[in-house]
């Protein structure tokens, strides 16, 4: 197996772990809001989720390739 393929597999594995941790963090945050039974916090959370729609572009090299 070439080192490029090994790096690609390791990167993929790390991204998968990062996504799982991020999702677990989001679930814990949502759970804290639910358990607090704070209607204002609930509305702020929902409004933040539906109004914060910024576009994030891919990072490109100077030649325009990724």
PDB file of N, CA and C in Angstrom:
ATOM      1  N   UNK A   1       0.838  -1.171   0.000  1.00  0.00           N
ATOM      2  CA  UNK A   1       0.000   0.000   0.000  1.00  0.00           C
ATOM      3  C   UNK A   1       0.892   1.245   0.000  1.00  0.00           C
ATOM      4  N   UNK A   2       0.589   2.179  -0.854  1.00  0.00           N
ATOM      5  CA  UNK A   2       1.411   3.392  -0.933  1.00  0.00           C
ATOM      6  C   UNK A   2       1.135   4.301   0.265  1.00  0.00           C
ATOM      7  N   UNK A   3       2.091   5.178   0.538  1.00  0.00           N
ATOM      8  CA  UNK A   3       1.921   6.080   1.680  1.00  0.00           C
ATOM      9  C   UNK A   3       0.769   7.056   1.443  1.00  0.00           C
ATOM     10  N   UNK A   4       0.518   7.446   0.171  1.00  0.00           N
ATOM     11  CA  UNK A   4      -0.604   8.338  -0.125  1.00  0.00           C
ATOM     12  C   UNK A   4      -1.928   7.674   0.239  1.00  0.00           C
ATOM     13  N   UNK A   5      -2.066   6.413  -0.070  1.00  0.00           N
ATOM     14  CA  UNK A   5      -3.290   5.685   0.244  1.00  0.00           C
ATOM     15  C   UNK A   5      -3.455   5.540   1.754  1.00  0.00           C
ATOM     16  N   UNK A   6      -2.360   5.287   2.447  1.00  0.00           N
ATOM     17  CA  UNK A   6      -2.413   5.188   3.908  1.00  0.00           C
ATOM     18  C   UNK A   6      -2.831   6.521   4.520  1.00  0.00           C
ATOM     19  N   UNK A   7      -2.272   7.613   4.004  1.00  0.00           N
ATOM     20  CA  UNK A   7      -2.641   8.940   4.496  1.00  0.00           C
ATOM     21  C   UNK A   7      -4.112   9.242   4.229  1.00  0.00           C
ATOM     22  N   UNK A   8      -4.569   8.860   3.062  1.00  0.00           N
ATOM     23  CA  UNK A   8      -5.971   9.091   2.706  1.00  0.00           C
ATOM     24  C   UNK A   8      -6.895   8.307   3.637  1.00  0.00           C
ATOM     25  N   UNK A   9      -6.548   7.076   3.930  1.00  0.00           N
ATOM     26  CA  UNK A   9      -7.359   6.255   4.825  1.00  0.00           C
ATOM     27  C   UNK A   9      -7.340   6.820   6.245  1.00  0.00           C
ATOM     28  N   UNK A  10      -6.186   7.259   6.708  1.00  0.00           N
ATOM     29  CA  UNK A  10      -6.072   7.839   8.041  1.00  0.00           C
ATOM     30  C   UNK A  10      -6.883   9.127   8.123  1.00  0.00           C
ATOM     31  N   UNK A  11      -6.788   9.957   7.097  1.00  0.00           N
ATOM     32  CA  UNK A  11      -7.558  11.199   7.056  1.00  0.00           C
ATOM     33  C   UNK A  11      -9.055  10.893   7.104  1.00  0.00           C
ATOM     34  N   UNK A  12      -9.490   9.941   6.320  1.00  0.00           N
ATOM     35  CA  UNK A  12     -10.894   9.551   6.296  1.00  0.00           C
ATOM     36  C   UNK A  12     -11.354   9.067   7.674  1.00  0.00           C
ATOM     37  N   UNK A  13     -10.528   8.295   8.324  1.00  0.00           N
ATOM     38  CA  UNK A  13     -10.841   7.787   9.651  1.00  0.00           C
ATOM     39  C   UNK A  13     -10.963   8.933  10.661  1.00  0.00           C
ATOM     40  N   UNK A  14     -10.039   9.876  10.599  1.00  0.00           N
ATOM     41  CA  UNK A  14     -10.054  11.017  11.517  1.00  0.00           C
ATOM     42  C   UNK A  14     -11.284  11.893  11.274  1.00  0.00           C
ATOM     43  N   UNK A  15     -11.630  12.120  10.011  1.00  0.00           N
ATOM     44  CA  UNK A  15     -12.811  12.917   9.687  1.00  0.00           C
ATOM     45  C   UNK A  15     -14.066  12.230  10.226  1.00  0.00           C
ATOM     46  N   UNK A  16     -14.138  10.923  10.083  1.00  0.00           N
ATOM     47  CA  UNK A  16     -15.281  10.167  10.599  1.00  0.00           C
ATOM     48  C   UNK A  16     -15.384  10.329  12.119  1.00  0.00           C
ATOM     49  N   UNK A  17     -14.254  10.225  12.818  1.00  0.00           N
ATOM     50  CA  UNK A  17     -14.245  10.390  14.275  1.00  0.00           C
ATOM     51  C   UNK A  17     -14.652  11.811  14.662  1.00  0.00           C
ATOM     52  N   UNK A  18     -14.134  12.805  13.942  1.00  0.00           N
ATOM     53  CA  UNK A  18     -14.462  14.199  14.218  1.00  0.00           C
ATOM     54  C   UNK A  18     -15.950  14.453  14.047  1.00  0.00           C
ATOM     55  N   UNK A  19     -16.531  13.928  12.973  1.00  0.00           N
ATOM     56  CA  UNK A  19     -17.968  14.103  12.746  1.00  0.00           C
ATOM     57  C   UNK A  19     -18.791  13.455  13.853  1.00  0.00           C
ATOM     58  N   UNK A  20     -18.381  12.280  14.311  1.00  0.00           N
ATOM     59  CA  UNK A  20     -19.085  11.600  15.403  1.00  0.00           C
ATOM     60  C   UNK A  20     -19.004  12.421  16.690  1.00  0.00           C
ATOM     61  N   UNK A  21     -17.829  12.973  16.986  1.00  0.00           N
ATOM     62  CA  UNK A  21     -17.673  13.808  18.185  1.00  0.00           C
ATOM     63  C   UNK A  21     -18.490  15.093  18.077  1.00  0.00           C
ATOM     64  N   UNK A  22     -18.496  15.702  16.912  1.00  0.00           N
ATOM     65  CA  UNK A  22     -19.271  16.917  16.695  1.00  0.00           C
ATOM     66  C   UNK A  22     -20.756  16.650  16.882  1.00  0.00           C
ATOM     67  N   UNK A  23     -21.233  15.577  16.315  1.00  0.00           N
ATOM     68  CA  UNK A  23     -22.653  15.223  16.454  1.00  0.00           C
ATOM     69  C   UNK A  23     -22.993  14.942  17.911  1.00  0.00           C
ATOM     70  N   UNK A  24     -22.125  14.233  18.641  1.00  0.00           N
ATOM     71  CA  UNK A  24     -22.364  13.950  20.055  1.00  0.00           C
ATOM     72  C   UNK A  24     -22.430  15.253  20.853  1.00  0.00           C
ATOM     73  N   UNK A  25     -21.573  16.209  20.511  1.00  0.00           N
ATOM     74  CA  UNK A  25     -21.586  17.505  21.176  1.00  0.00           C
ATOM     75  C   UNK A  25     -22.888  18.253  20.899  1.00  0.00           C
ATOM     76  N   UNK A  26     -23.351  18.218  19.655  1.00  0.00           N
ATOM     77  CA  UNK A  26     -24.609  18.872  19.298  1.00  0.00           C
ATOM     78  C   UNK A  26     -25.778  18.248  20.047  1.00  0.00           C
ATOM     79  N   UNK A  27     -25.788  16.939  20.153  1.00  0.00           N
ATOM     80  CA  UNK A  27     -26.859  16.245  20.866  1.00  0.00           C
ATOM     81  C   UNK A  27     -26.849  16.623  22.347  1.00  0.00           C
ATOM     82  N   UNK A  28     -25.666  16.677  22.948  1.00  0.00           N
ATOM     83  CA  UNK A  28     -25.560  17.051  24.362  1.00  0.00           C
ATOM     84  C   UNK A  28     -26.051  18.480  24.584  1.00  0.00           C
ATOM     85  N   UNK A  29     -25.696  19.389  23.676  1.00  0.00           N
ATOM     86  CA  UNK A  29     -26.137  20.786  23.782  1.00  0.00           C
ATOM     87  C   UNK A  29     -27.661  20.874  23.694  1.00  0.00           C
ATOM     88  N   UNK A  30     -28.248  20.180  22.726  1.00  0.00           N
ATOM     89  CA  UNK A  30     -29.697  20.173  22.565  1.00  0.00           C
ATOM     90  C   UNK A  30     -30.365  19.575  23.801  1.00  0.00           C
ATOM     91  N   UNK A  31     -29.773  18.522  24.337  1.00  0.00           N
ATOM     92  CA  UNK A  31     -30.340  17.862  25.521  1.00  0.00           C
ATOM     93  C   UNK A  31     -30.335  18.811  26.723  1.00  0.00           C
ATOM     94  N   UNK A  32     -29.256  19.582  26.900  1.00  0.00           N
ATOM     95  CA  UNK A  32     -29.190  20.552  28.005  1.00  0.00           C
ATOM     96  C   UNK A  32     -30.285  21.604  27.873  1.00  0.00           C
ATOM     97  N   UNK A  33     -30.543  22.059  26.647  1.00  0.00           N
ATOM     98  CA  UNK A  33     -31.596  23.052  26.415  1.00  0.00           C
ATOM     99  C   UNK A  33     -32.960  22.459  26.751  1.00  0.00           C
ATOM    100  N   UNK A  34     -33.196  21.230  26.346  1.00  0.00           N
ATOM    101  CA  UNK A  34     -34.472  20.564  26.631  1.00  0.00           C
ATOM    102  C   UNK A  34     -34.656  20.386  28.136  1.00  0.00           C
ATOM    103  N   UNK A  35     -33.625  19.915  28.809  1.00  0.00           N
ATOM    104  CA  UNK A  35     -33.723  19.659  30.251  1.00  0.00           C
ATOM    105  C   UNK A  35     -33.875  20.938  31.060  1.00  0.00           C
ATOM    106  N   UNK A  36     -33.378  22.058  30.549  1.00  0.00           N
ATOM    107  CA  UNK A  36     -33.483  23.327  31.265  1.00  0.00           C
ATOM    108  C   UNK A  36     -34.927  23.832  31.293  1.00  0.00           C
ATOM    109  N   UNK A  37     -35.740  23.389  30.375  1.00  0.00           N
ATOM    110  CA  UNK A  37     -37.140  23.809  30.254  1.00  0.00           C
ATOM    111  C   UNK A  37     -37.247  25.332  30.225  1.00  0.00           C
ATOM    112  N   UNK A  38     -36.337  25.953  29.500  1.00  0.00           N
ATOM    113  CA  UNK A  38     -36.311  27.403  29.348  1.00  0.00           C
ATOM    114  C   UNK A  38     -36.807  27.723  27.941  1.00  0.00           C
ATOM    115  N   UNK A  39     -38.033  28.250  27.877  1.00  0.00           N
ATOM    116  CA  UNK A  39     -38.641  28.522  26.582  1.00  0.00           C
ATOM    117  C   UNK A  39     -37.831  29.541  25.781  1.00  0.00           C
ATOM    118  N   UNK A  40     -37.285  30.556  26.455  1.00  0.00           N
ATOM    119  CA  UNK A  40     -36.477  31.563  25.769  1.00  0.00           C
ATOM    120  C   UNK A  40     -35.235  30.959  25.150  1.00  0.00           C
ATOM    121  N   UNK A  41     -34.556  30.063  25.891  1.00  0.00           N
ATOM    122  CA  UNK A  41     -33.359  29.399  25.356  1.00  0.00           C
ATOM    123  C   UNK A  41     -33.723  28.528  24.162  1.00  0.00           C
ATOM    124  N   UNK A  42     -34.878  27.893  24.233  1.00  0.00           N
ATOM    125  CA  UNK A  42     -35.329  27.050  23.116  1.00  0.00           C
ATOM    126  C   UNK A  42     -35.533  27.878  21.855  1.00  0.00           C
ATOM    127  N   UNK A  43     -36.222  29.024  22.003  1.00  0.00           N
ATOM    128  CA  UNK A  43     -36.457  29.890  20.855  1.00  0.00           C
ATOM    129  C   UNK A  43     -35.151  30.452  20.304  1.00  0.00           C
ATOM    130  N   UNK A  44     -34.234  30.866  21.179  1.00  0.00           N
ATOM    131  CA  UNK A  44     -32.939  31.375  20.714  1.00  0.00           C
ATOM    132  C   UNK A  44     -32.179  30.308  19.938  1.00  0.00           C
ATOM    133  N   UNK A  45     -32.201  29.072  20.445  1.00  0.00           N
ATOM    134  CA  UNK A  45     -31.516  27.976  19.775  1.00  0.00           C
ATOM    135  C   UNK A  45     -32.096  27.741  18.382  1.00  0.00           C
ATOM    136  N   UNK A  46     -33.414  27.662  18.300  1.00  0.00           N
ATOM    137  CA  UNK A  46     -34.067  27.406  17.008  1.00  0.00           C
ATOM    138  C   UNK A  46     -33.810  28.565  16.045  1.00  0.00           C
ATOM    139  N   UNK A  47     -33.967  29.793  16.522  1.00  0.00           N
ATOM    140  CA  UNK A  47     -33.744  30.950  15.644  1.00  0.00           C
ATOM    141  C   UNK A  47     -32.309  31.017  15.151  1.00  0.00           C
ATOM    142  N   UNK A  48     -31.370  30.673  16.006  1.00  0.00           N
ATOM    143  CA  UNK A  48     -29.963  30.665  15.594  1.00  0.00           C
ATOM    144  C   UNK A  48     -29.727  29.635  14.500  1.00  0.00           C
ATOM    145  N   UNK A  49     -30.366  28.484  14.627  1.00  0.00           N
ATOM    146  CA  UNK A  49     -30.179  27.414  13.641  1.00  0.00           C
ATOM    147  C   UNK A  49     -30.790  27.769  12.284  1.00  0.00           C
ATOM    148  N   UNK A  50     -31.910  28.466  12.284  1.00  0.00           N
ATOM    149  CA  UNK A  50     -32.572  28.743  11.006  1.00  0.00           C
ATOM    150  C   UNK A  50     -32.114  30.051  10.369  1.00  0.00           C
ATOM    151  N   UNK A  51     -31.481  30.946  11.145  1.00  0.00           N
ATOM    152  CA  UNK A  51     -31.097  32.233  10.569  1.00  0.00           C
ATOM    153  C   UNK A  51     -29.615  32.318  10.223  1.00  0.00           C
ATOM    154  N   UNK A  52     -28.786  31.450  10.754  1.00  0.00           N
ATOM    155  CA  UNK A  52     -27.347  31.510  10.510  1.00  0.00           C
ATOM    156  C   UNK A  52     -26.989  30.601   9.336  1.00  0.00           C
ATOM    157  N   UNK A  53     -27.189  31.085   8.151  1.00  0.00           N
ATOM    158  CA  UNK A  53     -26.935  30.299   6.938  1.00  0.00           C
ATOM    159  C   UNK A  53     -25.823  30.924   6.119  1.00  0.00           C
ATOM    160  N   UNK A  54     -24.614  30.871   6.639  1.00  0.00           N
ATOM    161  CA  UNK A  54     -23.496  31.431   5.886  1.00  0.00           C
ATOM    162  C   UNK A  54     -22.921  30.370   4.960  1.00  0.00           C
ATOM    163  N   UNK A  55     -22.392  30.801   3.855  1.00  0.00           N
ATOM    164  CA  UNK A  55     -21.807  29.905   2.871  1.00  0.00           C
ATOM    165  C   UNK A  55     -20.304  29.793   3.117  1.00  0.00           C
ATOM    166  N   UNK A  56     -19.823  28.581   3.195  1.00  0.00           N
ATOM    167  CA  UNK A  56     -18.401  28.347   3.371  1.00  0.00           C
ATOM    168  C   UNK A  56     -17.879  27.690   2.104  1.00  0.00           C
ATOM    169  N   UNK A  57     -16.970  28.367   1.429  1.00  0.00           N
ATOM    170  CA  UNK A  57     -16.423  27.833   0.182  1.00  0.00           C
ATOM    171  C   UNK A  57     -15.259  26.902   0.462  1.00  0.00           C
ATOM    172  N   UNK A  58     -14.935  26.096  -0.507  1.00  0.00           N
ATOM    173  CA  UNK A  58     -13.784  25.202  -0.402  1.00  0.00           C
ATOM    174  C   UNK A  58     -12.501  26.023  -0.467  1.00  0.00           C
ATOM    175  N   UNK A  59     -11.499  25.521   0.200  1.00  0.00           N
ATOM    176  CA  UNK A  59     -10.195  26.169   0.161  1.00  0.00           C
ATOM    177  C   UNK A  59      -9.500  25.722  -1.117  1.00  0.00           C
ATOM    178  N   UNK A  60      -9.074  26.656  -1.941  1.00  0.00           N
ATOM    179  CA  UNK A  60      -8.443  26.317  -3.219  1.00  0.00           C
ATOM    180  C   UNK A  60      -6.997  26.785  -3.218  1.00  0.00           C
ATOM    181  N   UNK A  61      -6.187  26.056  -3.939  1.00  0.00           N
ATOM    182  CA  UNK A  61      -4.782  26.409  -4.111  1.00  0.00           C
ATOM    183  C   UNK A  61      -4.710  27.631  -5.033  1.00  0.00           C
ATOM    184  N   UNK A  62      -3.571  28.325  -5.078  1.00  0.00           N
ATOM    185  CA  UNK A  62      -3.451  29.515  -5.932  1.00  0.00           C
ATOM    186  C   UNK A  62      -3.807  29.255  -7.395  1.00  0.00           C
ATOM    187  N   UNK A  63      -3.608  28.066  -7.876  1.00  0.00           N
ATOM    188  CA  UNK A  63      -3.928  27.762  -9.271  1.00  0.00           C
ATOM    189  C   UNK A  63      -5.393  27.465  -9.493  1.00  0.00           C
ATOM    190  N   UNK A  64      -6.201  27.480  -8.417  1.00  0.00           N
ATOM    191  CA  UNK A  64      -7.631  27.219  -8.538  1.00  0.00           C
ATOM    192  C   UNK A  64      -8.003  25.768  -8.327  1.00  0.00           C
ATOM    193  N   UNK A  65      -7.030  24.923  -8.020  1.00  0.00           N
ATOM    194  CA  UNK A  65      -7.346  23.519  -7.779  1.00  0.00           C
ATOM    195  C   UNK A  65      -7.381  23.276  -6.273  1.00  0.00           C
ATOM    196  N   UNK A  66      -8.077  22.254  -5.906  1.00  0.00           N
ATOM    197  CA  UNK A  66      -8.204  21.905  -4.493  1.00  0.00           C
ATOM    198  C   UNK A  66      -7.116  20.938  -4.096  1.00  0.00           C
TER     199      UNK A  66
END
